[in-house]
C-alpha atoms as a PDB file:
ATOM      1  CA  UNK A   1     326.787 224.680  27.203  1.00  0.00           C
ATOM      2  CA  UNK A   2     326.224 222.023  25.059  1.00  0.00           C
ATOM      3  CA  UNK A   3     324.135 218.654  25.251  1.00  0.00           C
ATOM      4  CA  UNK A   4     327.218 216.953  25.347  1.00  0.00           C
ATOM      5  CA  UNK A   5     328.725 218.688  28.346  1.00  0.00           C
ATOM      6  CA  UNK A   6     324.871 218.448  30.073  1.00  0.00           C
ATOM      7  CA  UNK A   7     325.623 214.501  29.645  1.00  0.00           C
ATOM      8  CA  UNK A   8     328.276 214.445  31.989  1.00  0.00           C
ATOM      9  CA  UNK A   9     326.994 216.441  34.728  1.00  0.00           C
ATOM     10  CA  UNK A  10     325.612 215.362  38.036  1.00  0.00           C
ATOM     11  CA  UNK A  11     322.546 217.798  37.689  1.00  0.00           C
ATOM     12  CA  UNK A  12     321.064 219.869  34.946  1.00  0.00           C
ATOM     13  CA  UNK A  13     321.758 223.504  34.759  1.00  0.00           C
ATOM     14  CA  UNK A  14     319.591 226.129  34.236  1.00  0.00           C
ATOM     15  CA  UNK A  15     320.618 229.658  32.389  1.00  0.00           C
ATOM     16  CA  UNK A  16     319.952 232.161  35.086  1.00  0.00           C
ATOM     17  CA  UNK A  17     320.873 235.680  35.958  1.00  0.00           C
ATOM     18  CA  UNK A  18     320.504 237.036  39.116  1.00  0.00           C
ATOM     19  CA  UNK A  19     322.197 239.696  41.479  1.00  0.00           C
ATOM     20  CA  UNK A  20     323.209 237.729  44.523  1.00  0.00           C
ATOM     21  CA  UNK A  21     325.342 239.182  47.854  1.00  0.00           C
ATOM     22  CA  UNK A  22     327.605 236.866  48.567  1.00  0.00           C
ATOM     23  CA  UNK A  23     329.630 236.803  51.716  1.00  0.00           C
ATOM     24  CA  UNK A  24     333.446 235.730  51.219  1.00  0.00           C
ATOM     25  CA  UNK A  25     333.913 236.132  54.916  1.00  0.00           C
ATOM     26  CA  UNK A  26     330.736 234.585  56.845  1.00  0.00           C
ATOM     27  CA  UNK A  27     331.924 235.510  60.067  1.00  0.00           C
ATOM     28  CA  UNK A  28     332.545 239.102  59.508  1.00  0.00           C
ATOM     29  CA  UNK A  29     328.792 239.631  58.143  1.00  0.00           C
ATOM     30  CA  UNK A  30     330.327 241.856  55.160  1.00  0.00           C
ATOM     31  CA  UNK A  31     328.223 241.430  51.978  1.00  0.00           C
ATOM     32  CA  UNK A  32     329.933 241.839  48.722  1.00  0.00           C
ATOM     33  CA  UNK A  33     327.274 243.218  46.498  1.00  0.00           C
ATOM     34  CA  UNK A  34     328.714 242.922  42.978  1.00  0.00           C
ATOM     35  CA  UNK A  35     328.163 239.225  42.032  1.00  0.00           C
ATOM     36  CA  UNK A  36     325.626 237.698  39.686  1.00  0.00           C
ATOM     37  CA  UNK A  37     324.784 234.062  38.657  1.00  0.00           C
ATOM     38  CA  UNK A  38     325.489 232.672  35.424  1.00  0.00           C
ATOM     39  CA  UNK A  39     323.556 229.144  35.600  1.00  0.00           C
ATOM     40  CA  UNK A  40     322.596 227.213  38.611  1.00  0.00           C
ATOM     41  CA  UNK A  41     321.559 223.650  39.510  1.00  0.00           C
ATOM     42  CA  UNK A  42     320.639 221.682  42.643  1.00  0.00           C
ATOM     43  CA  UNK A  43     323.819 221.181  43.481  1.00  0.00           C
ATOM     44  CA  UNK A  44     325.965 224.176  42.653  1.00  0.00           C
ATOM     45  CA  UNK A  45     325.996 227.873  40.995  1.00  0.00           C
ATOM     46  CA  UNK A  46     328.211 229.819  38.470  1.00  0.00           C
ATOM     47  CA  UNK A  47     328.916 233.271  39.228  1.00  0.00           C
ATOM     48  CA  UNK A  48     330.708 236.224  38.128  1.00  0.00           C
ATOM     49  CA  UNK A  49     332.200 238.721  40.262  1.00  0.00           C
ATOM     50  CA  UNK A  50     334.189 241.929  40.280  1.00  0.00           C
ATOM     51  CA  UNK A  51     336.843 243.085  42.574  1.00  0.00           C
ATOM     52  CA  UNK A  52     337.136 240.460  44.527  1.00  0.00           C
ATOM     53  CA  UNK A  53     339.266 237.394  44.919  1.00  0.00           C
ATOM     54  CA  UNK A  54     338.193 234.000  46.331  1.00  0.00           C
ATOM     55  CA  UNK A  55     340.075 230.709  45.661  1.00  0.00           C
ATOM     56  CA  UNK A  56     339.140 226.997  45.620  1.00  0.00           C
ATOM     57  CA  UNK A  57     338.563 225.485  48.770  1.00  0.00           C
ATOM     58  CA  UNK A  58     337.199 228.576  50.240  1.00  0.00           C
ATOM     59  CA  UNK A  59     334.137 228.781  52.147  1.00  0.00           C
ATOM     60  CA  UNK A  60     331.244 231.540  51.300  1.00  0.00           C
ATOM     61  CA  UNK A  61     327.641 232.451  51.841  1.00  0.00           C
ATOM     62  CA  UNK A  62     325.891 233.048  49.009  1.00  0.00           C
ATOM     63  CA  UNK A  63     322.313 235.140  49.275  1.00  0.00           C
ATOM     64  CA  UNK A  64     319.706 233.601  46.191  1.00  0.00           C
ATOM     65  CA  UNK A  65     317.177 234.971  49.346  1.00  0.00           C
ATOM     66  CA  UNK A  66     317.345 236.040  52.258  1.00  0.00           C
ATOM     67  CA  UNK A  67     318.821 232.960  53.950  1.00  0.00           C
ATOM     68  CA  UNK A  68     322.109 232.360  52.985  1.00  0.00           C
ATOM     69  CA  UNK A  69     323.520 229.253  51.235  1.00  0.00           C
ATOM     70  CA  UNK A  70     326.862 228.120  52.310  1.00  0.00           C
ATOM     71  CA  UNK A  71     329.144 226.881  49.314  1.00  0.00           C
ATOM     72  CA  UNK A  72     332.685 225.463  48.785  1.00  0.00           C
ATOM     73  CA  UNK A  73     334.301 227.494  45.941  1.00  0.00           C
ATOM     74  CA  UNK A  74     335.221 224.471  43.376  1.00  0.00           C
ATOM     75  CA  UNK A  75     337.025 226.467  40.683  1.00  0.00           C
ATOM     76  CA  UNK A  76     337.536 229.919  39.572  1.00  0.00           C
ATOM     77  CA  UNK A  77     339.421 231.274  36.457  1.00  0.00           C
ATOM     78  CA  UNK A  78     342.086 233.771  36.954  1.00  0.00           C
ATOM     79  CA  UNK A  79     341.016 237.361  37.049  1.00  0.00           C
ATOM     80  CA  UNK A  80     340.468 239.425  33.545  1.00  0.00           C
ATOM     81  CA  UNK A  81     341.989 242.730  33.193  1.00  0.00           C
ATOM     82  CA  UNK A  82     338.681 244.291  34.761  1.00  0.00           C
ATOM     83  CA  UNK A  83     339.286 242.289  37.671  1.00  0.00           C
ATOM     84  CA  UNK A  84     335.989 240.128  36.775  1.00  0.00           C
ATOM     85  CA  UNK A  85     336.443 236.467  37.379  1.00  0.00           C
ATOM     86  CA  UNK A  86     334.163 233.592  37.012  1.00  0.00           C
ATOM     87  CA  UNK A  87     333.572 230.710  39.896  1.00  0.00           C
ATOM     88  CA  UNK A  88     332.254 227.829  40.374  1.00  0.00           C
ATOM     89  CA  UNK A  89     330.424 226.921  43.810  1.00  0.00           C
ATOM     90  CA  UNK A  90     329.273 223.590  45.162  1.00  0.00           C
ATOM     91  CA  UNK A  91     326.049 224.086  47.743  1.00  0.00           C
ATOM     92  CA  UNK A  92     327.101 222.387  51.264  1.00  0.00           C
ATOM     93  CA  UNK A  93     323.434 221.286  51.274  1.00  0.00           C
ATOM     94  CA  UNK A  94     321.835 220.800  47.483  1.00  0.00           C
ATOM     95  CA  UNK A  95     319.083 222.695  46.751  1.00  0.00           C
ATOM     96  CA  UNK A  96     315.437 220.871  46.568  1.00  0.00           C
ATOM     97  CA  UNK A  97     314.532 219.799  42.896  1.00  0.00           C
ATOM     98  CA  UNK A  98     311.187 221.711  43.222  1.00  0.00           C
ATOM     99  CA  UNK A  99     309.935 219.467  39.581  1.00  0.00           C
ATOM    100  CA  UNK A 100     310.139 216.682  42.278  1.00  0.00           C
ATOM    101  CA  UNK A 101     308.182 217.916  44.998  1.00  0.00           C
ATOM    102  CA  UNK A 102     304.939 216.677  45.224  1.00  0.00           C
ATOM    103  CA  UNK A 103     301.893 219.010  45.967  1.00  0.00           C
ATOM    104  CA  UNK A 104     299.835 218.644  49.547  1.00  0.00           C
ATOM    105  CA  UNK A 105     296.762 216.923  50.088  1.00  0.00           C
ATOM    106  CA  UNK A 106     293.972 219.419  49.248  1.00  0.00           C
ATOM    107  CA  UNK A 107     292.440 220.281  52.717  1.00  0.00           C
ATOM    108  CA  UNK A 108     288.893 221.157  50.942  1.00  0.00           C
ATOM    109  CA  UNK A 109     286.195 218.585  50.928  1.00  0.00           C
ATOM    110  CA  UNK A 110     285.731 217.506  47.058  1.00  0.00           C
ATOM    111  CA  UNK A 111     282.272 215.313  46.950  1.00  0.00           C
ATOM    112  CA  UNK A 112     282.816 211.957  44.473  1.00  0.00           C
ATOM    113  CA  UNK A 113     279.708 211.738  42.088  1.00  0.00           C
END
């Protein structure tokens, strides 16, 4: 992504490739394991998946950790010859920006000299 593209984005994207399970139909509990991230930000993630079709407006659960992140599918590319597609997902609840997190106060006593 070019610097100019980054200027138009709400949040900074970070290139990050992780295998992430995806629940395409969260009610069924069935996980689709063949998905991976391309990049992510506080507000969303771009993923690559093979063999599954998702559509804009669909709600999915993405497992970046043990707890799912509920996302809305914003856009998708048409599936390629190898049935791979790329999709942009928006987190329903944006992720916290760890750079802004305050360090908790120390509970250890430190004398003042």
